Amino acid sequence: MLTVERGGRYYRVADPSWQDPLDGRYAAVHGARWTAPGSHPTVYLCATVPVARANVNHNFAGLPYGPEDMDPRAAPVLLTVQVRPDRCLDVTAPAGAQAVGLPATYPKDAGGNTVTWAVCQPIGAQAHTAGLAAVACVSAVAAGEELAHFNRDSGLEQTARRRFDVWFWPRR
């Protein structure tokens, strides 16, 4: 496994009704890309606002409606989160991906398909077991990075919260 230090400002797309949007237990119960269902808490963060927007748009892919149809009061908020610098599994470059058995083309496989959660989840478990703070990876939906933070003794601090109608639409 290759590691990299990550920390500083990240962004969390959150449902405005969540009591604690920095609680990773939802992913622990239901699973996500780097977290198998029934495993460890993980908070998924975006390195940039454009990556956060791309994640929201990805959630609407194939639906007959889009983010523009949402009631802004019920639409995702954007949290600015300060992440304490720490060692993370490095899946941000071909060498890091290959070191854990992923294709050099991650997040795509050799056929151009997105690498599945089922392939990534055991790697996330290995990183968690190794005591790493997170998985730093290339986003599967946009150009940029994401951070799957394992929520160990937190290391996360919310510093701002923006309504959907303020953060989602790019300023012209």
N, C-alpha and C. Protein backbone atom coordinates (compact mmCIF):
# COMPACT_ATOMS: atom_id res chain seq x y z
N MET A 1 0.85 -1.19 0.00
CA MET A 1 0.00 0.00 0.00
C MET A 1 0.89 1.24 0.00
N LEU A 2 0.55 2.17 -0.86
CA LEU A 2 1.21 3.47 -0.84
C LEU A 2 0.34 4.42 -0.02
N THR A 3 0.98 5.32 0.70
CA THR A 3 0.23 6.28 1.51
C THR A 3 0.60 7.69 1.11
N VAL A 4 -0.27 8.60 1.48
CA VAL A 4 -0.09 10.01 1.22
C VAL A 4 -0.71 10.77 2.38
N GLU A 5 -0.16 11.92 2.72
CA GLU A 5 -0.80 12.73 3.76
C GLU A 5 -1.86 13.62 3.11
N ARG A 6 -3.01 13.65 3.75
CA ARG A 6 -4.08 14.54 3.32
C ARG A 6 -4.65 15.24 4.54
N GLY A 7 -5.10 16.44 4.33
CA GLY A 7 -5.73 17.23 5.39
C GLY A 7 -6.11 18.58 4.80
N GLY A 8 -6.69 19.42 5.62
CA GLY A 8 -7.09 20.73 5.15
C GLY A 8 -8.57 20.79 4.83
N ARG A 9 -8.92 21.67 3.89
CA ARG A 9 -10.33 21.92 3.58
C ARG A 9 -10.87 20.89 2.58
N TYR A 10 -12.03 20.31 2.94
CA TYR A 10 -12.78 19.40 2.07
C TYR A 10 -14.24 19.80 2.16
N TYR A 11 -15.08 19.14 1.35
CA TYR A 11 -16.50 19.47 1.30
C TYR A 11 -17.33 18.20 1.47
N ARG A 12 -18.42 18.33 2.20
CA ARG A 12 -19.34 17.22 2.42
C ARG A 12 -20.71 17.62 1.92
N VAL A 13 -21.25 16.85 0.99
CA VAL A 13 -22.62 17.03 0.53
C VAL A 13 -23.50 16.29 1.54
N ALA A 14 -24.46 16.99 2.13
CA ALA A 14 -25.25 16.41 3.21
C ALA A 14 -26.73 16.73 3.06
N ASP A 15 -27.54 15.81 3.52
CA ASP A 15 -28.98 16.05 3.61
C ASP A 15 -29.19 17.07 4.74
N PRO A 16 -29.99 18.11 4.50
CA PRO A 16 -30.17 19.13 5.55
C PRO A 16 -30.83 18.60 6.82
N SER A 17 -31.45 17.42 6.75
CA SER A 17 -32.12 16.87 7.94
C SER A 17 -31.19 16.02 8.81
N TRP A 18 -29.99 15.74 8.35
CA TRP A 18 -29.09 14.91 9.15
C TRP A 18 -28.73 15.59 10.46
N GLN A 19 -28.87 14.84 11.55
CA GLN A 19 -28.52 15.38 12.87
C GLN A 19 -27.03 15.68 12.98
N ASP A 20 -26.20 14.75 12.51
CA ASP A 20 -24.75 14.92 12.57
C ASP A 20 -24.16 14.50 11.22
N PRO A 21 -23.99 15.45 10.31
CA PRO A 21 -23.52 15.10 8.97
C PRO A 21 -22.08 14.61 8.91
N LEU A 22 -21.36 14.66 10.02
CA LEU A 22 -20.00 14.12 10.05
C LEU A 22 -19.94 12.77 10.76
N ASP A 23 -21.09 12.15 10.92
CA ASP A 23 -21.18 10.82 11.51
C ASP A 23 -21.13 9.81 10.36
N GLY A 24 -20.16 8.93 10.37
CA GLY A 24 -19.97 7.96 9.30
C GLY A 24 -20.72 6.66 9.47
N ARG A 25 -21.63 6.61 10.44
CA ARG A 25 -22.32 5.34 10.70
C ARG A 25 -23.26 4.91 9.58
N TYR A 26 -23.82 5.86 8.82
CA TYR A 26 -24.71 5.47 7.72
C TYR A 26 -23.95 4.59 6.73
N ALA A 27 -22.75 5.01 6.34
CA ALA A 27 -21.95 4.21 5.42
C ALA A 27 -21.57 2.88 6.05
N ALA A 28 -21.33 2.88 7.36
CA ALA A 28 -20.98 1.63 8.04
C ALA A 28 -22.12 0.62 7.96
N VAL A 29 -23.34 1.09 8.04
CA VAL A 29 -24.50 0.21 8.00
C VAL A 29 -24.84 -0.20 6.57
N HIS A 30 -24.89 0.78 5.67
CA HIS A 30 -25.39 0.53 4.31
C HIS A 30 -24.31 0.27 3.27
N GLY A 31 -23.08 0.68 3.55
CA GLY A 31 -21.99 0.50 2.60
C GLY A 31 -21.90 1.64 1.61
N ALA A 32 -20.74 1.77 1.02
CA ALA A 32 -20.45 2.75 -0.02
C ALA A 32 -19.18 2.26 -0.73
N ARG A 33 -18.58 3.10 -1.53
CA ARG A 33 -17.45 2.65 -2.36
C ARG A 33 -16.34 1.97 -1.55
N TRP A 34 -15.88 2.56 -0.47
CA TRP A 34 -14.74 2.04 0.30
C TRP A 34 -15.18 1.39 1.61
N THR A 35 -16.48 1.23 1.81
CA THR A 35 -17.02 0.74 3.07
C THR A 35 -18.04 -0.36 2.81
N ALA A 36 -17.74 -1.57 3.26
CA ALA A 36 -18.70 -2.68 3.11
C ALA A 36 -19.84 -2.50 4.11
N PRO A 37 -21.04 -2.92 3.74
CA PRO A 37 -22.15 -2.86 4.71
C PRO A 37 -21.78 -3.64 5.98
N GLY A 38 -22.10 -3.05 7.13
CA GLY A 38 -21.83 -3.70 8.40
C GLY A 38 -20.38 -3.55 8.87
N SER A 39 -19.67 -2.58 8.31
CA SER A 39 -18.26 -2.44 8.68
C SER A 39 -18.00 -1.16 9.48
N HIS A 40 -17.01 -0.39 9.10
CA HIS A 40 -16.54 0.77 9.86
C HIS A 40 -17.18 2.08 9.36
N PRO A 41 -17.34 3.05 10.27
CA PRO A 41 -17.87 4.36 9.87
C PRO A 41 -16.93 5.05 8.88
N THR A 42 -17.51 5.70 7.89
CA THR A 42 -16.74 6.42 6.88
C THR A 42 -17.53 7.65 6.45
N VAL A 43 -16.85 8.79 6.40
CA VAL A 43 -17.45 10.03 5.92
C VAL A 43 -16.82 10.33 4.56
N TYR A 44 -17.65 10.49 3.56
CA TYR A 44 -17.19 10.73 2.20
C TYR A 44 -17.12 12.23 1.93
N LEU A 45 -15.95 12.69 1.52
CA LEU A 45 -15.68 14.11 1.32
C LEU A 45 -15.17 14.36 -0.09
N CYS A 46 -15.42 15.56 -0.59
CA CYS A 46 -14.96 15.98 -1.91
C CYS A 46 -13.87 17.03 -1.74
N ALA A 47 -12.84 16.97 -2.60
CA ALA A 47 -11.74 17.91 -2.49
C ALA A 47 -12.11 19.30 -3.01
N THR A 48 -13.10 19.38 -3.91
CA THR A 48 -13.49 20.66 -4.48
C THR A 48 -15.01 20.75 -4.61
N VAL A 49 -15.49 21.96 -4.77
CA VAL A 49 -16.92 22.16 -4.99
C VAL A 49 -17.37 21.54 -6.32
N PRO A 50 -16.60 21.66 -7.42
CA PRO A 50 -17.03 20.98 -8.65
C PRO A 50 -17.19 19.46 -8.48
N VAL A 51 -16.35 18.82 -7.69
CA VAL A 51 -16.52 17.38 -7.44
C VAL A 51 -17.80 17.15 -6.64
N ALA A 52 -18.10 18.01 -5.68
CA ALA A 52 -19.34 17.90 -4.91
C ALA A 52 -20.56 18.03 -5.84
N ARG A 53 -20.52 19.01 -6.75
CA ARG A 53 -21.62 19.18 -7.72
C ARG A 53 -21.78 17.93 -8.58
N ALA A 54 -20.66 17.39 -9.04
CA ALA A 54 -20.70 16.19 -9.90
C ALA A 54 -21.33 15.02 -9.16
N ASN A 55 -21.06 14.89 -7.87
CA ASN A 55 -21.68 13.82 -7.09
C ASN A 55 -23.18 13.99 -7.00
N VAL A 56 -23.65 15.21 -6.81
CA VAL A 56 -25.09 15.45 -6.78
C VAL A 56 -25.69 15.11 -8.14
N ASN A 57 -25.08 15.59 -9.21
CA ASN A 57 -25.59 15.29 -10.56
C ASN A 57 -25.59 13.79 -10.83
N HIS A 58 -24.58 13.08 -10.37
CA HIS A 58 -24.50 11.64 -10.55
C HIS A 58 -25.70 10.93 -9.89
N ASN A 59 -26.12 11.45 -8.74
CA ASN A 59 -27.26 10.84 -8.04
C ASN A 59 -28.57 11.01 -8.80
N PHE A 60 -28.62 11.95 -9.73
CA PHE A 60 -29.83 12.18 -10.52
C PHE A 60 -29.77 11.51 -11.90
N ALA A 61 -28.64 10.90 -12.23
CA ALA A 61 -28.48 10.28 -13.55
C ALA A 61 -29.59 9.27 -13.80
N GLY A 62 -30.22 9.39 -14.95
CA GLY A 62 -31.27 8.47 -15.36
C GLY A 62 -32.64 8.75 -14.78
N LEU A 63 -32.76 9.75 -13.93
CA LEU A 63 -34.06 10.08 -13.35
C LEU A 63 -34.77 11.11 -14.23
N PRO A 64 -36.09 11.15 -14.20
CA PRO A 64 -36.83 12.10 -15.04
C PRO A 64 -36.84 13.52 -14.49
N TYR A 65 -36.09 13.77 -13.46
CA TYR A 65 -36.00 15.10 -12.87
C TYR A 65 -34.55 15.32 -12.45
N GLY A 66 -34.22 16.56 -12.16
CA GLY A 66 -32.84 16.88 -11.80
C GLY A 66 -32.78 17.80 -10.61
N PRO A 67 -31.59 18.23 -10.25
CA PRO A 67 -31.43 19.09 -9.08
C PRO A 67 -32.20 20.40 -9.18
N GLU A 68 -32.42 20.86 -10.41
CA GLU A 68 -33.15 22.12 -10.59
C GLU A 68 -34.61 22.02 -10.14
N ASP A 69 -35.10 20.78 -9.98
CA ASP A 69 -36.48 20.56 -9.56
C ASP A 69 -36.64 20.42 -8.05
N MET A 70 -35.54 20.48 -7.33
CA MET A 70 -35.61 20.29 -5.88
C MET A 70 -36.07 21.55 -5.16
N ASP A 71 -36.78 21.33 -4.09
CA ASP A 71 -37.09 22.43 -3.17
C ASP A 71 -35.79 22.77 -2.46
N PRO A 72 -35.30 24.00 -2.58
CA PRO A 72 -34.01 24.35 -1.98
C PRO A 72 -33.92 24.05 -0.48
N ARG A 73 -35.06 24.04 0.21
CA ARG A 73 -35.03 23.75 1.66
C ARG A 73 -34.76 22.28 1.94
N ALA A 74 -35.04 21.40 0.97
CA ALA A 74 -34.82 19.97 1.15
C ALA A 74 -33.61 19.46 0.37
N ALA A 75 -32.99 20.32 -0.40
CA ALA A 75 -31.86 19.94 -1.24
C ALA A 75 -30.58 19.86 -0.42
N PRO A 76 -29.58 19.14 -0.92
CA PRO A 76 -28.34 18.96 -0.16
C PRO A 76 -27.63 20.27 0.17
N VAL A 77 -27.16 20.33 1.40
CA VAL A 77 -26.33 21.45 1.82
C VAL A 77 -24.88 21.06 1.57
N LEU A 78 -24.02 22.06 1.55
CA LEU A 78 -22.59 21.81 1.40
C LEU A 78 -21.89 22.27 2.67
N LEU A 79 -21.20 21.33 3.30
CA LEU A 79 -20.43 21.64 4.49
C LEU A 79 -18.97 21.82 4.10
N THR A 80 -18.36 22.83 4.65
CA THR A 80 -16.91 22.95 4.56
C THR A 80 -16.38 22.26 5.81
N VAL A 81 -15.44 21.34 5.59
CA VAL A 81 -14.93 20.50 6.67
C VAL A 81 -13.42 20.63 6.72
N GLN A 82 -12.91 20.90 7.90
CA GLN A 82 -11.46 20.92 8.12
C GLN A 82 -11.05 19.51 8.55
N VAL A 83 -10.12 18.92 7.80
CA VAL A 83 -9.64 17.57 8.07
C VAL A 83 -8.24 17.66 8.68
N ARG A 84 -8.06 17.03 9.83
CA ARG A 84 -6.74 17.00 10.46
C ARG A 84 -5.78 16.20 9.57
N PRO A 85 -4.62 16.74 9.25
CA PRO A 85 -3.66 16.01 8.39
C PRO A 85 -3.30 14.65 8.98
N ASP A 86 -3.28 13.64 8.10
CA ASP A 86 -2.99 12.28 8.55
C ASP A 86 -2.61 11.42 7.34
N ARG A 87 -2.14 10.21 7.60
CA ARG A 87 -1.75 9.28 6.55
C ARG A 87 -2.99 8.60 5.98
N CYS A 88 -3.04 8.52 4.65
CA CYS A 88 -4.18 7.94 3.95
C CYS A 88 -3.68 6.96 2.90
N LEU A 89 -4.48 5.97 2.59
CA LEU A 89 -4.19 5.12 1.45
C LEU A 89 -4.22 5.99 0.21
N ASP A 90 -3.22 5.84 -0.64
CA ASP A 90 -3.12 6.67 -1.84
C ASP A 90 -3.63 5.93 -3.07
N VAL A 91 -4.81 6.32 -3.53
CA VAL A 91 -5.37 5.80 -4.78
C VAL A 91 -5.63 7.00 -5.69
N THR A 92 -4.68 7.94 -5.67
CA THR A 92 -4.82 9.17 -6.47
C THR A 92 -4.01 9.12 -7.75
N ALA A 93 -3.18 8.09 -7.92
CA ALA A 93 -2.32 7.98 -9.10
C ALA A 93 -2.21 6.50 -9.47
N PRO A 94 -1.81 6.22 -10.70
CA PRO A 94 -1.73 4.82 -11.15
C PRO A 94 -0.91 3.92 -10.22
N ALA A 95 0.23 4.38 -9.72
CA ALA A 95 1.07 3.52 -8.87
C ALA A 95 0.34 3.14 -7.58
N GLY A 96 -0.38 4.08 -6.99
CA GLY A 96 -1.13 3.79 -5.78
C GLY A 96 -2.26 2.81 -6.03
N ALA A 97 -2.96 2.99 -7.14
CA ALA A 97 -4.04 2.07 -7.49
C ALA A 97 -3.49 0.66 -7.70
N GLN A 98 -2.41 0.56 -8.46
CA GLN A 98 -1.83 -0.76 -8.75
C GLN A 98 -1.30 -1.44 -7.50
N ALA A 99 -0.80 -0.67 -6.54
CA ALA A 99 -0.24 -1.24 -5.31
C ALA A 99 -1.29 -2.00 -4.50
N VAL A 100 -2.58 -1.67 -4.69
CA VAL A 100 -3.64 -2.38 -3.98
C VAL A 100 -4.48 -3.26 -4.90
N GLY A 101 -3.95 -3.51 -6.09
CA GLY A 101 -4.62 -4.43 -7.01
C GLY A 101 -5.66 -3.81 -7.92
N LEU A 102 -5.75 -2.50 -7.93
CA LEU A 102 -6.68 -1.82 -8.84
C LEU A 102 -5.97 -1.54 -10.17
N PRO A 103 -6.72 -1.36 -11.24
CA PRO A 103 -6.07 -1.03 -12.51
C PRO A 103 -5.44 0.37 -12.46
N ALA A 104 -4.40 0.55 -13.22
CA ALA A 104 -3.73 1.85 -13.31
C ALA A 104 -4.69 2.92 -13.81
N THR A 105 -5.74 2.50 -14.47
CA THR A 105 -6.73 3.41 -15.03
C THR A 105 -7.84 3.76 -14.04
N TYR A 106 -7.69 3.35 -12.76
CA TYR A 106 -8.72 3.63 -11.76
C TYR A 106 -9.10 5.11 -11.81
N PRO A 107 -10.39 5.44 -11.80
CA PRO A 107 -11.55 4.67 -11.38
C PRO A 107 -12.21 3.82 -12.47
N LYS A 108 -11.61 3.79 -13.64
CA LYS A 108 -12.13 2.93 -14.72
C LYS A 108 -11.31 1.66 -14.80
N ASP A 109 -11.95 0.59 -15.27
CA ASP A 109 -11.22 -0.65 -15.51
C ASP A 109 -10.72 -0.64 -16.96
N ALA A 110 -10.08 -1.71 -17.38
CA ALA A 110 -9.51 -1.78 -18.73
C ALA A 110 -10.57 -1.64 -19.82
N GLY A 111 -11.80 -2.00 -19.51
CA GLY A 111 -12.89 -1.89 -20.48
C GLY A 111 -13.58 -0.54 -20.47
N GLY A 112 -13.13 0.38 -19.62
CA GLY A 112 -13.73 1.71 -19.56
C GLY A 112 -14.91 1.81 -18.62
N ASN A 113 -15.20 0.76 -17.87
CA ASN A 113 -16.30 0.77 -16.90
C ASN A 113 -15.79 1.21 -15.54
N THR A 114 -16.65 1.83 -14.76
CA THR A 114 -16.27 2.24 -13.41
C THR A 114 -16.03 1.01 -12.55
N VAL A 115 -14.90 1.00 -11.85
CA VAL A 115 -14.59 -0.09 -10.92
C VAL A 115 -15.70 -0.13 -9.86
N THR A 116 -16.20 -1.31 -9.58
CA THR A 116 -17.36 -1.45 -8.69
C THR A 116 -17.01 -1.28 -7.22
N TRP A 117 -18.04 -0.99 -6.45
CA TRP A 117 -17.88 -0.91 -5.00
C TRP A 117 -17.36 -2.23 -4.44
N ALA A 118 -17.84 -3.36 -4.97
CA ALA A 118 -17.44 -4.67 -4.47
C ALA A 118 -15.93 -4.88 -4.59
N VAL A 119 -15.30 -4.28 -5.57
CA VAL A 119 -13.85 -4.37 -5.73
C VAL A 119 -13.16 -3.44 -4.73
N CYS A 120 -13.72 -2.27 -4.49
CA CYS A 120 -13.09 -1.26 -3.62
C CYS A 120 -13.26 -1.54 -2.13
N GLN A 121 -14.37 -2.14 -1.75
CA GLN A 121 -14.67 -2.32 -0.32
C GLN A 121 -13.62 -3.12 0.44
N PRO A 122 -13.09 -4.24 -0.08
CA PRO A 122 -12.04 -4.96 0.66
C PRO A 122 -10.76 -4.12 0.80
N ILE A 123 -10.50 -3.27 -0.16
CA ILE A 123 -9.32 -2.39 -0.09
C ILE A 123 -9.52 -1.35 1.02
N GLY A 124 -10.72 -0.80 1.11
CA GLY A 124 -11.04 0.11 2.20
C GLY A 124 -10.89 -0.57 3.56
N ALA A 125 -11.32 -1.82 3.65
CA ALA A 125 -11.19 -2.58 4.90
C ALA A 125 -9.72 -2.77 5.25
N GLN A 126 -8.88 -3.06 4.27
CA GLN A 126 -7.44 -3.22 4.52
C GLN A 126 -6.83 -1.92 5.03
N ALA A 127 -7.21 -0.80 4.41
CA ALA A 127 -6.68 0.50 4.84
C ALA A 127 -7.14 0.81 6.27
N HIS A 128 -8.38 0.50 6.57
CA HIS A 128 -8.90 0.73 7.92
C HIS A 128 -8.16 -0.14 8.93
N THR A 129 -7.99 -1.41 8.62
CA THR A 129 -7.29 -2.34 9.51
C THR A 129 -5.84 -1.92 9.71
N ALA A 130 -5.23 -1.35 8.69
CA ALA A 130 -3.84 -0.89 8.77
C ALA A 130 -3.70 0.38 9.61
N GLY A 131 -4.82 0.95 10.05
CA GLY A 131 -4.78 2.14 10.90
C GLY A 131 -4.69 3.45 10.15
N LEU A 132 -4.89 3.41 8.84
CA LEU A 132 -4.86 4.65 8.07
C LEU A 132 -6.12 5.47 8.35
N ALA A 133 -6.03 6.77 8.16
CA ALA A 133 -7.14 7.67 8.46
C ALA A 133 -8.23 7.66 7.39
N ALA A 134 -7.83 7.35 6.15
CA ALA A 134 -8.77 7.52 5.04
C ALA A 134 -8.23 6.85 3.79
N VAL A 135 -9.06 6.85 2.76
CA VAL A 135 -8.64 6.53 1.40
C VAL A 135 -8.71 7.83 0.61
N ALA A 136 -7.59 8.26 0.07
CA ALA A 136 -7.56 9.40 -0.85
C ALA A 136 -7.60 8.80 -2.25
N CYS A 137 -8.59 9.22 -3.03
CA CYS A 137 -8.78 8.58 -4.33
C CYS A 137 -9.23 9.58 -5.39
N VAL A 138 -9.08 9.14 -6.63
CA VAL A 138 -9.63 9.87 -7.75
C VAL A 138 -11.14 9.68 -7.70
N SER A 139 -11.89 10.73 -7.92
CA SER A 139 -13.34 10.64 -7.94
C SER A 139 -13.80 9.75 -9.08
N ALA A 140 -14.81 8.94 -8.82
CA ALA A 140 -15.38 8.09 -9.86
C ALA A 140 -16.37 8.85 -10.74
N VAL A 141 -16.70 10.10 -10.38
CA VAL A 141 -17.71 10.84 -11.15
C VAL A 141 -17.23 12.16 -11.73
N ALA A 142 -16.02 12.59 -11.37
CA ALA A 142 -15.55 13.91 -11.83
C ALA A 142 -14.03 13.96 -11.80
N ALA A 143 -13.47 14.92 -12.49
CA ALA A 143 -12.03 15.15 -12.41
C ALA A 143 -11.74 15.76 -11.06
N GLY A 144 -10.99 15.08 -10.24
CA GLY A 144 -10.65 15.58 -8.92
C GLY A 144 -10.58 14.45 -7.92
N GLU A 145 -10.33 14.82 -6.69
CA GLU A 145 -10.15 13.83 -5.62
C GLU A 145 -11.32 13.81 -4.67
N GLU A 146 -11.41 12.67 -4.00
CA GLU A 146 -12.32 12.49 -2.88
C GLU A 146 -11.54 11.88 -1.73
N LEU A 147 -12.11 11.94 -0.55
CA LEU A 147 -11.50 11.38 0.64
C LEU A 147 -12.56 10.59 1.38
N ALA A 148 -12.31 9.30 1.57
CA ALA A 148 -13.20 8.46 2.36
C ALA A 148 -12.57 8.37 3.75
N HIS A 149 -13.02 9.22 4.67
CA HIS A 149 -12.42 9.37 5.99
C HIS A 149 -13.06 8.39 6.97
N PHE A 150 -12.21 7.62 7.66
CA PHE A 150 -12.71 6.55 8.52
C PHE A 150 -13.26 7.03 9.86
N ASN A 151 -13.27 8.32 10.09
CA ASN A 151 -13.99 8.87 11.25
C ASN A 151 -13.43 8.38 12.58
N ARG A 152 -12.15 7.97 12.61
CA ARG A 152 -11.51 7.57 13.87
C ARG A 152 -11.33 8.82 14.72
N ASP A 153 -11.70 8.77 15.95
CA ASP A 153 -11.63 9.91 16.87
C ASP A 153 -11.84 11.23 16.13
N SER A 154 -12.70 11.19 15.20
CA SER A 154 -13.12 12.28 14.32
C SER A 154 -11.99 12.80 13.45
N GLY A 155 -11.29 13.86 13.84
CA GLY A 155 -10.33 14.45 12.92
C GLY A 155 -11.02 15.36 11.92
N LEU A 156 -12.34 15.53 12.08
CA LEU A 156 -13.14 16.35 11.18
C LEU A 156 -13.83 17.46 11.96
N GLU A 157 -13.82 18.65 11.40
CA GLU A 157 -14.50 19.78 12.03
C GLU A 157 -15.26 20.57 10.97
N GLN A 158 -16.57 20.69 11.16
CA GLN A 158 -17.38 21.49 10.24
C GLN A 158 -17.10 22.96 10.50
N THR A 159 -16.76 23.70 9.44
CA THR A 159 -16.46 25.12 9.61
C THR A 159 -17.45 26.03 8.89
N ALA A 160 -18.25 25.49 7.98
CA ALA A 160 -19.27 26.30 7.30
C ALA A 160 -20.35 25.38 6.75
N ARG A 161 -21.51 25.98 6.50
CA ARG A 161 -22.66 25.25 5.93
C ARG A 161 -23.35 26.18 4.95
N ARG A 162 -23.53 25.72 3.70
CA ARG A 162 -24.18 26.55 2.69
C ARG A 162 -25.41 25.85 2.12
N ARG A 163 -26.47 26.64 1.95
CA ARG A 163 -27.71 26.12 1.33
C ARG A 163 -27.45 25.74 -0.13
N PHE A 164 -28.26 24.84 -0.62
CA PHE A 164 -28.15 24.33 -1.98
C PHE A 164 -28.17 25.45 -3.01
N ASP A 165 -29.13 26.37 -2.89
CA ASP A 165 -29.27 27.42 -3.89
C ASP A 165 -28.09 28.39 -3.87
N VAL A 166 -27.28 28.35 -2.82
CA VAL A 166 -26.11 29.21 -2.73
C VAL A 166 -24.87 28.51 -3.30
N TRP A 167 -24.71 27.21 -3.03
CA TRP A 167 -23.47 26.53 -3.42
C TRP A 167 -23.55 25.78 -4.74
N PHE A 168 -24.72 25.27 -5.11
CA PHE A 168 -24.76 24.33 -6.23
C PHE A 168 -24.62 24.99 -7.60
N TRP A 169 -25.28 26.09 -7.78
CA TRP A 169 -25.29 26.71 -9.10
C TRP A 169 -24.04 27.56 -9.29
N PRO A 170 -23.23 27.23 -10.30
CA PRO A 170 -21.99 28.02 -10.52
C PRO A 170 -22.33 29.48 -10.80
N ARG A 171 -21.53 30.33 -10.24
CA ARG A 171 -21.72 31.78 -10.47
C ARG A 171 -21.24 32.12 -11.85
N ARG A 172 -21.99 32.98 -12.52
CA ARG A 172 -21.62 33.38 -13.89
C ARG A 172 -20.98 34.72 -13.88
